Amino acid sequence: MKYFNYLIIIAFGAMLIYASLGLPQRGPASEVASQETSIAGTVLPSAYYIKNAYRDANTPNMVTVVLADYRSIDTLGEEVVIFTAGLICYMLLWRKRKNAA
């Protein structure tokens, strides 16, 4: 069983590395994330966030504006997932500790 767990971890790590090879390079102006408009001519969200963050929320920290104002519901969902995972880990460890005594 222990070897099976190691095999799963190694396979998952290999999948992560393989998936990361398909990501675009960071930084070049020709990449989609660095452009201000999409192929269809609409403004990309990243360009909008950079230009209008201070005007929309009157907060100098752009990261705070994006997480708290523009993507607040998504951020709340992520926090619920992280809290649930932490609670499950705590419950599993508490159960093992209780059984060991």
PDB file of N, CA and C in Angstrom:
ATOM      1  N   MET A   1       0.822  -1.200   0.000  1.00  0.00           N
ATOM      2  CA  MET A   1       0.000   0.000   0.000  1.00  0.00           C
ATOM      3  C   MET A   1       0.860   1.257   0.000  1.00  0.00           C
ATOM      4  N   LYS A   2       1.991   1.196   0.719  1.00  0.00           N
ATOM      5  CA  LYS A   2       2.867   2.363   0.787  1.00  0.00           C
ATOM      6  C   LYS A   2       3.453   2.671  -0.594  1.00  0.00           C
ATOM      7  N   TYR A   3       3.805   1.644  -1.337  1.00  0.00           N
ATOM      8  CA  TYR A   3       4.374   1.859  -2.669  1.00  0.00           C
ATOM      9  C   TYR A   3       3.331   2.415  -3.625  1.00  0.00           C
ATOM     10  N   PHE A   4       2.091   1.995  -3.438  1.00  0.00           N
ATOM     11  CA  PHE A   4       1.010   2.516  -4.276  1.00  0.00           C
ATOM     12  C   PHE A   4       0.838   4.022  -4.056  1.00  0.00           C
ATOM     13  N   ASN A   5       0.935   4.467  -2.799  1.00  0.00           N
ATOM     14  CA  ASN A   5       0.839   5.900  -2.505  1.00  0.00           C
ATOM     15  C   ASN A   5       1.974   6.674  -3.157  1.00  0.00           C
ATOM     16  N   TYR A   6       3.181   6.148  -3.079  1.00  0.00           N
ATOM     17  CA  TYR A   6       4.328   6.795  -3.727  1.00  0.00           C
ATOM     18  C   TYR A   6       4.139   6.845  -5.234  1.00  0.00           C
ATOM     19  N   LEU A   7       3.608   5.784  -5.801  1.00  0.00           N
ATOM     20  CA  LEU A   7       3.374   5.743  -7.243  1.00  0.00           C
ATOM     21  C   LEU A   7       2.360   6.811  -7.662  1.00  0.00           C
ATOM     22  N   ILE A   8       1.326   6.993  -6.868  1.00  0.00           N
ATOM     23  CA  ILE A   8       0.321   8.015  -7.170  1.00  0.00           C
ATOM     24  C   ILE A   8       0.942   9.411  -7.087  1.00  0.00           C
ATOM     25  N   ILE A   9       1.754   9.657  -6.075  1.00  0.00           N
ATOM     26  CA  ILE A   9       2.399  10.965  -5.927  1.00  0.00           C
ATOM     27  C   ILE A   9       3.332  11.242  -7.097  1.00  0.00           C
ATOM     28  N   ILE A  10       4.109  10.256  -7.493  1.00  0.00           N
ATOM     29  CA  ILE A  10       5.032  10.430  -8.623  1.00  0.00           C
ATOM     30  C   ILE A  10       4.250  10.662  -9.921  1.00  0.00           C
ATOM     31  N   ALA A  11       3.169   9.921 -10.121  1.00  0.00           N
ATOM     32  CA  ALA A  11       2.362  10.098 -11.332  1.00  0.00           C
ATOM     33  C   ALA A  11       1.723  11.485 -11.360  1.00  0.00           C
ATOM     34  N   PHE A  12       1.233  11.948 -10.223  1.00  0.00           N
ATOM     35  CA  PHE A  12       0.634  13.275 -10.161  1.00  0.00           C
ATOM     36  C   PHE A  12       1.679  14.351 -10.430  1.00  0.00           C
ATOM     37  N   GLY A  13       2.875  14.212  -9.862  1.00  0.00           N
ATOM     38  CA  GLY A  13       3.958  15.161 -10.119  1.00  0.00           C
ATOM     39  C   GLY A  13       4.343  15.183 -11.588  1.00  0.00           C
ATOM     40  N   ALA A  14       4.400  14.008 -12.210  1.00  0.00           N
ATOM     41  CA  ALA A  14       4.731  13.941 -13.632  1.00  0.00           C
ATOM     42  C   ALA A  14       3.657  14.625 -14.483  1.00  0.00           C
ATOM     43  N   MET A  15       2.387  14.449 -14.096  1.00  0.00           N
ATOM     44  CA  MET A  15       1.309  15.117 -14.836  1.00  0.00           C
ATOM     45  C   MET A  15       1.401  16.626 -14.689  1.00  0.00           C
ATOM     46  N   LEU A  16       1.751  17.117 -13.495  1.00  0.00           N
ATOM     47  CA  LEU A  16       1.898  18.557 -13.296  1.00  0.00           C
ATOM     48  C   LEU A  16       3.030  19.122 -14.155  1.00  0.00           C
ATOM     49  N   ILE A  17       4.138  18.419 -14.191  1.00  0.00           N
ATOM     50  CA  ILE A  17       5.271  18.876 -15.003  1.00  0.00           C
ATOM     51  C   ILE A  17       4.895  18.858 -16.477  1.00  0.00           C
ATOM     52  N   TYR A  18       4.231  17.797 -16.925  1.00  0.00           N
ATOM     53  CA  TYR A  18       3.826  17.713 -18.323  1.00  0.00           C
ATOM     54  C   TYR A  18       2.858  18.847 -18.676  1.00  0.00           C
ATOM     55  N   ALA A  19       1.906  19.144 -17.783  1.00  0.00           N
ATOM     56  CA  ALA A  19       0.942  20.213 -18.040  1.00  0.00           C
ATOM     57  C   ALA A  19       1.623  21.572 -18.065  1.00  0.00           C
ATOM     58  N   SER A  20       2.646  21.767 -17.237  1.00  0.00           N
ATOM     59  CA  SER A  20       3.312  23.071 -17.198  1.00  0.00           C
ATOM     60  C   SER A  20       4.130  23.335 -18.456  1.00  0.00           C
ATOM     61  N   LEU A  21       4.499  22.301 -19.185  1.00  0.00           N
ATOM     62  CA  LEU A  21       5.255  22.503 -20.420  1.00  0.00           C
ATOM     63  C   LEU A  21       4.413  23.179 -21.504  1.00  0.00           C
ATOM     64  N   GLY A  22       3.099  23.061 -21.421  1.00  0.00           N
ATOM     65  CA  GLY A  22       2.216  23.669 -22.412  1.00  0.00           C
ATOM     66  C   GLY A  22       1.840  25.108 -22.108  1.00  0.00           C
ATOM     67  N   LEU A  23       2.268  25.632 -20.972  1.00  0.00           N
ATOM     68  CA  LEU A  23       1.945  27.012 -20.624  1.00  0.00           C
ATOM     69  C   LEU A  23       2.746  27.987 -21.480  1.00  0.00           C
ATOM     70  N   PRO A  24       2.187  29.149 -21.787  1.00  0.00           N
ATOM     71  CA  PRO A  24       2.933  30.128 -22.579  1.00  0.00           C
ATOM     72  C   PRO A  24       4.076  30.732 -21.768  1.00  0.00           C
ATOM     73  N   GLN A  25       5.091  31.186 -22.468  1.00  0.00           N
ATOM     74  CA  GLN A  25       6.220  31.836 -21.803  1.00  0.00           C
ATOM     75  C   GLN A  25       5.763  33.151 -21.190  1.00  0.00           C
ATOM     76  N   ARG A  26       6.365  33.515 -20.094  1.00  0.00           N
ATOM     77  CA  ARG A  26       5.978  34.755 -19.420  1.00  0.00           C
ATOM     78  C   ARG A  26       6.816  35.920 -19.923  1.00  0.00           C
ATOM     79  N   GLY A  27       6.166  37.045 -20.078  1.00  0.00           N
ATOM     80  CA  GLY A  27       6.895  38.261 -20.362  1.00  0.00           C
ATOM     81  C   GLY A  27       6.828  38.826 -21.760  1.00  0.00           C
ATOM     82  N   PRO A  28       6.916  38.031 -22.823  1.00  0.00           N
ATOM     83  CA  PRO A  28       6.930  38.639 -24.160  1.00  0.00           C
ATOM     84  C   PRO A  28       5.643  39.400 -24.468  1.00  0.00           C
ATOM     85  N   ALA A  29       5.769  40.512 -25.137  1.00  0.00           N
ATOM     86  CA  ALA A  29       4.606  41.341 -25.465  1.00  0.00           C
ATOM     87  C   ALA A  29       3.681  40.669 -26.465  1.00  0.00           C
ATOM     88  N   SER A  30       4.161  39.667 -27.171  1.00  0.00           N
ATOM     89  CA  SER A  30       3.324  38.997 -28.168  1.00  0.00           C
ATOM     90  C   SER A  30       2.380  37.980 -27.535  1.00  0.00           C
ATOM     91  N   GLU A  31       2.568  37.646 -26.273  1.00  0.00           N
ATOM     92  CA  GLU A  31       1.697  36.679 -25.612  1.00  0.00           C
ATOM     93  C   GLU A  31       0.316  37.287 -25.354  1.00  0.00           C
ATOM     94  N   VAL A  32      -0.690  36.446 -25.296  1.00  0.00           N
ATOM     95  CA  VAL A  32      -2.065  36.897 -25.130  1.00  0.00           C
ATOM     96  C   VAL A  32      -2.244  37.658 -23.819  1.00  0.00           C
ATOM     97  N   ALA A  33      -1.611  37.190 -22.743  1.00  0.00           N
ATOM     98  CA  ALA A  33      -1.787  37.833 -21.441  1.00  0.00           C
ATOM     99  C   ALA A  33      -1.207  39.241 -21.408  1.00  0.00           C
ATOM    100  N   SER A  34      -0.267  39.541 -22.290  1.00  0.00           N
ATOM    101  CA  SER A  34       0.365  40.861 -22.309  1.00  0.00           C
ATOM    102  C   SER A  34      -0.352  41.846 -23.234  1.00  0.00           C
ATOM    103  N   GLN A  35      -1.308  41.383 -24.007  1.00  0.00           N
ATOM    104  CA  GLN A  35      -1.995  42.256 -24.950  1.00  0.00           C
ATOM    105  C   GLN A  35      -3.166  42.960 -24.265  1.00  0.00           C
ATOM    106  N   GLU A  36      -3.562  44.096 -24.802  1.00  0.00           N
ATOM    107  CA  GLU A  36      -4.669  44.850 -24.225  1.00  0.00           C
ATOM    108  C   GLU A  36      -6.012  44.459 -24.818  1.00  0.00           C
ATOM    109  N   THR A  37      -6.026  43.961 -26.031  1.00  0.00           N
ATOM    110  CA  THR A  37      -7.285  43.551 -26.652  1.00  0.00           C
ATOM    111  C   THR A  37      -7.163  42.115 -27.152  1.00  0.00           C
ATOM    112  N   SER A  38      -8.295  41.433 -27.182  1.00  0.00           N
ATOM    113  CA  SER A  38      -8.318  40.058 -27.659  1.00  0.00           C
ATOM    114  C   SER A  38      -8.364  40.034 -29.183  1.00  0.00           C
ATOM    115  N   ILE A  39      -8.408  38.859 -29.735  1.00  0.00           N
ATOM    116  CA  ILE A  39      -8.496  38.713 -31.187  1.00  0.00           C
ATOM    117  C   ILE A  39      -9.804  39.312 -31.701  1.00  0.00           C
ATOM    118  N   ALA A  40     -10.853  39.232 -30.879  1.00  0.00           N
ATOM    119  CA  ALA A  40     -12.163  39.775 -31.263  1.00  0.00           C
ATOM    120  C   ALA A  40     -12.242  41.287 -31.084  1.00  0.00           C
ATOM    121  N   GLY A  41     -11.208  41.892 -30.485  1.00  0.00           N
ATOM    122  CA  GLY A  41     -11.193  43.333 -30.321  1.00  0.00           C
ATOM    123  C   GLY A  41     -11.723  43.825 -28.977  1.00  0.00           C
ATOM    124  N   THR A  42     -12.076  42.915 -28.083  1.00  0.00           N
ATOM    125  CA  THR A  42     -12.560  43.318 -26.760  1.00  0.00           C
ATOM    126  C   THR A  42     -11.385  43.510 -25.802  1.00  0.00           C
ATOM    127  N   VAL A  43     -11.598  44.313 -24.791  1.00  0.00           N
ATOM    128  CA  VAL A  43     -10.547  44.574 -23.807  1.00  0.00           C
ATOM    129  C   VAL A  43     -10.395  43.355 -22.909  1.00  0.00           C
ATOM    130  N   LEU A  44      -9.157  42.912 -22.720  1.00  0.00           N
ATOM    131  CA  LEU A  44      -8.900  41.778 -21.830  1.00  0.00           C
ATOM    132  C   LEU A  44      -9.034  42.223 -20.376  1.00  0.00           C
ATOM    133  N   PRO A  45      -9.470  41.333 -19.500  1.00  0.00           N
ATOM    134  CA  PRO A  45      -9.646  41.715 -18.098  1.00  0.00           C
ATOM    135  C   PRO A  45      -8.368  42.239 -17.448  1.00  0.00           C
ATOM    136  N   SER A  46      -7.229  41.649 -17.766  1.00  0.00           N
ATOM    137  CA  SER A  46      -5.987  42.092 -17.131  1.00  0.00           C
ATOM    138  C   SER A  46      -5.684  43.552 -17.462  1.00  0.00           C
ATOM    139  N   ALA A  47      -5.910  43.949 -18.699  1.00  0.00           N
ATOM    140  CA  ALA A  47      -5.674  45.345 -19.076  1.00  0.00           C
ATOM    141  C   ALA A  47      -6.667  46.271 -18.366  1.00  0.00           C
ATOM    142  N   TYR A  48      -7.905  45.823 -18.241  1.00  0.00           N
ATOM    143  CA  TYR A  48      -8.896  46.634 -17.535  1.00  0.00           C
ATOM    144  C   TYR A  48      -8.529  46.789 -16.070  1.00  0.00           C
ATOM    145  N   TYR A  49      -8.121  45.689 -15.419  1.00  0.00           N
ATOM    146  CA  TYR A  49      -7.758  45.735 -13.999  1.00  0.00           C
ATOM    147  C   TYR A  49      -6.608  46.703 -13.761  1.00  0.00           C
ATOM    148  N   ILE A  50      -5.602  46.645 -14.604  1.00  0.00           N
ATOM    149  CA  ILE A  50      -4.431  47.505 -14.422  1.00  0.00           C
ATOM    150  C   ILE A  50      -4.802  48.974 -14.591  1.00  0.00           C
ATOM    151  N   LYS A  51      -5.607  49.288 -15.584  1.00  0.00           N
ATOM    152  CA  LYS A  51      -5.940  50.688 -15.868  1.00  0.00           C
ATOM    153  C   LYS A  51      -6.950  51.277 -14.881  1.00  0.00           C
ATOM    154  N   ASN A  52      -7.879  50.470 -14.388  1.00  0.00           N
ATOM    155  CA  ASN A  52      -9.004  51.021 -13.638  1.00  0.00           C
ATOM    156  C   ASN A  52      -9.074  50.609 -12.174  1.00  0.00           C
ATOM    157  N   ALA A  53      -8.087  49.914 -11.650  1.00  0.00           N
ATOM    158  CA  ALA A  53      -8.160  49.415 -10.272  1.00  0.00           C
ATOM    159  C   ALA A  53      -8.283  50.552  -9.272  1.00  0.00           C
ATOM    160  N   TYR A  54      -7.447  51.554  -9.400  1.00  0.00           N
ATOM    161  CA  TYR A  54      -7.503  52.648  -8.424  1.00  0.00           C
ATOM    162  C   TYR A  54      -8.787  53.461  -8.571  1.00  0.00           C
ATOM    163  N   ARG A  55      -9.205  53.707  -9.789  1.00  0.00           N
ATOM    164  CA  ARG A  55     -10.415  54.501 -10.027  1.00  0.00           C
ATOM    165  C   ARG A  55     -11.661  53.778  -9.508  1.00  0.00           C
ATOM    166  N   ASP A  56     -11.745  52.469  -9.702  1.00  0.00           N
ATOM    167  CA  ASP A  56     -12.939  51.726  -9.296  1.00  0.00           C
ATOM    168  C   ASP A  56     -13.057  51.552  -7.785  1.00  0.00           C
ATOM    169  N   ALA A  57     -11.935  51.334  -7.091  1.00  0.00           N
ATOM    170  CA  ALA A  57     -12.017  51.004  -5.662  1.00  0.00           C
ATOM    171  C   ALA A  57     -11.323  52.009  -4.756  1.00  0.00           C
ATOM    172  N   ASN A  58     -10.599  52.961  -5.326  1.00  0.00           N
ATOM    173  CA  ASN A  58      -9.867  53.955  -4.550  1.00  0.00           C
ATOM    174  C   ASN A  58      -8.902  53.308  -3.556  1.00  0.00           C
ATOM    175  N   THR A  59      -8.262  52.230  -4.004  1.00  0.00           N
ATOM    176  CA  THR A  59      -7.285  51.504  -3.196  1.00  0.00           C
ATOM    177  C   THR A  59      -5.997  51.397  -4.000  1.00  0.00           C
ATOM    178  N   PRO A  60      -4.852  51.808  -3.430  1.00  0.00           N
ATOM    179  CA  PRO A  60      -3.617  51.794  -4.212  1.00  0.00           C
ATOM    180  C   PRO A  60      -3.065  50.388  -4.493  1.00  0.00           C
ATOM    181  N   ASN A  61      -3.470  49.388  -3.747  1.00  0.00           N
ATOM    182  CA  ASN A  61      -2.960  48.041  -3.953  1.00  0.00           C
ATOM    183  C   ASN A  61      -3.840  47.305  -4.967  1.00  0.00           C
ATOM    184  N   MET A  62      -3.295  47.065  -6.159  1.00  0.00           N
ATOM    185  CA  MET A  62      -4.068  46.463  -7.235  1.00  0.00           C
ATOM    186  C   MET A  62      -4.459  45.020  -6.919  1.00  0.00           C
ATOM    187  N   VAL A  63      -3.609  44.285  -6.217  1.00  0.00           N
ATOM    188  CA  VAL A  63      -3.926  42.898  -5.869  1.00  0.00           C
ATOM    189  C   VAL A  63      -5.147  42.846  -4.956  1.00  0.00           C
ATOM    190  N   THR A  64      -5.205  43.747  -4.007  1.00  0.00           N
ATOM    191  CA  THR A  64      -6.359  43.805  -3.109  1.00  0.00           C
ATOM    192  C   THR A  64      -7.634  44.118  -3.877  1.00  0.00           C
ATOM    193  N   VAL A  65      -7.557  45.013  -4.830  1.00  0.00           N
ATOM    194  CA  VAL A  65      -8.739  45.369  -5.622  1.00  0.00           C
ATOM    195  C   VAL A  65      -9.212  44.170  -6.435  1.00  0.00           C
ATOM    196  N   VAL A  66      -8.281  43.461  -7.061  1.00  0.00           N
ATOM    197  CA  VAL A  66      -8.671  42.316  -7.890  1.00  0.00           C
ATOM    198  C   VAL A  66      -9.293  41.222  -7.031  1.00  0.00           C
ATOM    199  N   LEU A  67      -8.659  40.887  -5.895  1.00  0.00           N
ATOM    200  CA  LEU A  67      -9.172  39.797  -5.059  1.00  0.00           C
ATOM    201  C   LEU A  67     -10.433  40.177  -4.298  1.00  0.00           C
ATOM    202  N   ALA A  68     -10.503  41.388  -3.776  1.00  0.00           N
ATOM    203  CA  ALA A  68     -11.625  41.757  -2.910  1.00  0.00           C
ATOM    204  C   ALA A  68     -12.802  42.354  -3.669  1.00  0.00           C
ATOM    205  N   ASP A  69     -12.564  43.017  -4.787  1.00  0.00           N
ATOM    206  CA  ASP A  69     -13.659  43.679  -5.497  1.00  0.00           C
ATOM    207  C   ASP A  69     -14.068  42.946  -6.771  1.00  0.00           C
ATOM    208  N   TYR A  70     -13.125  42.743  -7.667  1.00  0.00           N
ATOM    209  CA  TYR A  70     -13.479  42.153  -8.956  1.00  0.00           C
ATOM    210  C   TYR A  70     -13.807  40.666  -8.851  1.00  0.00           C
ATOM    211  N   ARG A  71     -13.060  39.931  -8.023  1.00  0.00           N
ATOM    212  CA  ARG A  71     -13.227  38.485  -7.965  1.00  0.00           C
ATOM    213  C   ARG A  71     -13.617  38.010  -6.570  1.00  0.00           C
ATOM    214  N   SER A  72     -14.418  38.765  -5.873  1.00  0.00           N
ATOM    215  CA  SER A  72     -14.712  38.456  -4.467  1.00  0.00           C
ATOM    216  C   SER A  72     -15.451  37.131  -4.299  1.00  0.00           C
ATOM    217  N   ILE A  73     -16.413  36.831  -5.137  1.00  0.00           N
ATOM    218  CA  ILE A  73     -17.166  35.577  -4.996  1.00  0.00           C
ATOM    219  C   ILE A  73     -16.257  34.382  -5.273  1.00  0.00           C
ATOM    220  N   ASP A  74     -15.398  34.488  -6.282  1.00  0.00           N
ATOM    221  CA  ASP A  74     -14.462  33.417  -6.595  1.00  0.00           C
ATOM    222  C   ASP A  74     -13.483  33.215  -5.446  1.00  0.00           C
ATOM    223  N   THR A  75     -12.987  34.314  -4.870  1.00  0.00           N
ATOM    224  CA  THR A  75     -12.061  34.224  -3.746  1.00  0.00           C
ATOM    225  C   THR A  75     -12.740  33.591  -2.542  1.00  0.00           C
ATOM    226  N   LEU A  76     -13.984  33.934  -2.296  1.00  0.00           N
ATOM    227  CA  LEU A  76     -14.723  33.324  -1.192  1.00  0.00           C
ATOM    228  C   LEU A  76     -14.848  31.819  -1.407  1.00  0.00           C
ATOM    229  N   GLY A  77     -15.127  31.403  -2.620  1.00  0.00           N
ATOM    230  CA  GLY A  77     -15.217  29.973  -2.925  1.00  0.00           C
ATOM    231  C   GLY A  77     -13.903  29.256  -2.668  1.00  0.00           C
ATOM    232  N   GLU A  78     -12.792  29.874  -3.070  1.00  0.00           N
ATOM    233  CA  GLU A  78     -11.483  29.267  -2.828  1.00  0.00           C
ATOM    234  C   GLU A  78     -11.191  29.157  -1.333  1.00  0.00           C
ATOM    235  N   GLU A  79     -11.571  30.188  -0.581  1.00  0.00           N
ATOM    236  CA  GLU A  79     -11.343  30.146   0.865  1.00  0.00           C
ATOM    237  C   GLU A  79     -12.180  29.062   1.530  1.00  0.00           C
ATOM    238  N   VAL A  80     -13.393  28.836   1.060  1.00  0.00           N
ATOM    239  CA  VAL A  80     -14.219  27.769   1.607  1.00  0.00           C
ATOM    240  C   VAL A  80     -13.580  26.410   1.330  1.00  0.00           C
ATOM    241  N   VAL A  81     -13.032  26.221   0.135  1.00  0.00           N
ATOM    242  CA  VAL A  81     -12.374  24.959  -0.211  1.00  0.00           C
ATOM    243  C   VAL A  81     -11.155  24.738   0.678  1.00  0.00           C
ATOM    244  N   ILE A  82     -10.336  25.762   0.873  1.00  0.00           N
ATOM    245  CA  ILE A  82      -9.146  25.627   1.711  1.00  0.00           C
ATOM    246  C   ILE A  82      -9.536  25.363   3.162  1.00  0.00           C
ATOM    247  N   PHE A  83     -10.541  26.049   3.665  1.00  0.00           N
ATOM    248  CA  PHE A  83     -11.009  25.825   5.034  1.00  0.00           C
ATOM    249  C   PHE A  83     -11.517  24.396   5.201  1.00  0.00           C
ATOM    250  N   THR A  84     -12.277  23.899   4.225  1.00  0.00           N
ATOM    251  CA  THR A  84     -12.808  22.544   4.297  1.00  0.00           C
ATOM    252  C   THR A  84     -11.687  21.518   4.287  1.00  0.00           C
ATOM    253  N   ALA A  85     -10.680  21.721   3.440  1.00  0.00           N
ATOM    254  CA  ALA A  85      -9.548  20.792   3.396  1.00  0.00           C
ATOM    255  C   ALA A  85      -8.794  20.798   4.724  1.00  0.00           C
ATOM    256  N   GLY A  86      -8.588  21.972   5.303  1.00  0.00           N
ATOM    257  CA  GLY A  86      -7.922  22.052   6.595  1.00  0.00           C
ATOM    258  C   GLY A  86      -8.728  21.386   7.688  1.00  0.00           C
ATOM    259  N   LEU A  87     -10.044  21.560   7.673  1.00  0.00           N
ATOM    260  CA  LEU A  87     -10.907  20.934   8.662  1.00  0.00           C
ATOM    261  C   LEU A  87     -10.872  19.413   8.540  1.00  0.00           C
ATOM    262  N   ILE A  88     -10.869  18.912   7.320  1.00  0.00           N
ATOM    263  CA  ILE A  88     -10.800  17.465   7.104  1.00  0.00           C
ATOM    264  C   ILE A  88      -9.471  16.921   7.602  1.00  0.00           C
ATOM    265  N   CYS A  89      -8.373  17.613   7.317  1.00  0.00           N
ATOM    266  CA  CYS A  89      -7.061  17.176   7.807  1.00  0.00           C
ATOM    267  C   CYS A  89      -7.035  17.154   9.331  1.00  0.00           C
ATOM    268  N   TYR A  90      -7.585  18.190   9.950  1.00  0.00           N
ATOM    269  CA  TYR A  90      -7.635  18.234  11.412  1.00  0.00           C
ATOM    270  C   TYR A  90      -8.442  17.062  11.965  1.00  0.00           C
ATOM    271  N   MET A  91      -9.591  16.790  11.341  1.00  0.00           N
ATOM    272  CA  MET A  91     -10.440  15.705  11.833  1.00  0.00           C
ATOM    273  C   MET A  91      -9.755  14.348  11.670  1.00  0.00           C
ATOM    274  N   LEU A  92      -9.059  14.153  10.563  1.00  0.00           N
ATOM    275  CA  LEU A  92      -8.349  12.891  10.365  1.00  0.00           C
ATOM    276  C   LEU A  92      -7.219  12.727  11.370  1.00  0.00           C
ATOM    277  N   LEU A  93      -6.460  13.779  11.614  1.00  0.00           N
ATOM    278  CA  LEU A  93      -5.370  13.693  12.578  1.00  0.00           C
ATOM    279  C   LEU A  93      -5.903  13.524  13.991  1.00  0.00           C
ATOM    280  N   TRP A  94      -6.989  14.176  14.333  1.00  0.00           N
ATOM    281  CA  TRP A  94      -7.580  14.061  15.657  1.00  0.00           C
ATOM    282  C   TRP A  94      -8.078  12.636  15.883  1.00  0.00           C
ATOM    283  N   ARG A  95      -8.655  12.035  14.862  1.00  0.00           N
ATOM    284  CA  ARG A  95      -9.167  10.667  14.962  1.00  0.00           C
ATOM    285  C   ARG A  95      -8.033   9.683  15.181  1.00  0.00           C
ATOM    286  N   LYS A  96      -6.927   9.846  14.453  1.00  0.00           N
ATOM    287  CA  LYS A  96      -5.789   8.942  14.620  1.00  0.00           C
ATOM    288  C   LYS A  96      -5.176   9.108  15.997  1.00  0.00           C
ATOM    289  N   ARG A  97      -5.081  10.334  16.483  1.00  0.00           N
ATOM    290  CA  ARG A  97      -4.498  10.587  17.790  1.00  0.00           C
ATOM    291  C   ARG A  97      -5.390   9.970  18.884  1.00  0.00           C
ATOM    292  N   LYS A  98      -6.699  10.050  18.696  1.00  0.00           N
ATOM    293  CA  LYS A  98      -7.630   9.514  19.672  1.00  0.00           C
ATOM    294  C   LYS A  98      -7.542   7.987  19.712  1.00  0.00           C
ATOM    295  N   ASN A  99      -7.388   7.364  18.562  1.00  0.00           N
ATOM    296  CA  ASN A  99      -7.275   5.901  18.489  1.00  0.00           C
ATOM    297  C   ASN A  99      -5.937   5.407  19.028  1.00  0.00           C
ATOM    298  N   ALA A 100      -4.901   6.212  18.939  1.00  0.00           N
ATOM    299  CA  ALA A 100      -3.569   5.788  19.390  1.00  0.00           C
ATOM    300  C   ALA A 100      -3.487   5.777  20.909  1.00  0.00           C
ATOM    301  N   ALA A 101      -4.323   6.518  21.575  1.00  0.00           N
ATOM    302  CA  ALA A 101      -4.239   6.611  23.055  1.00  0.00           C
ATOM    303  C   ALA A 101      -4.802   5.430  23.758  1.00  0.00           C
TER     304      ALA A 101
END
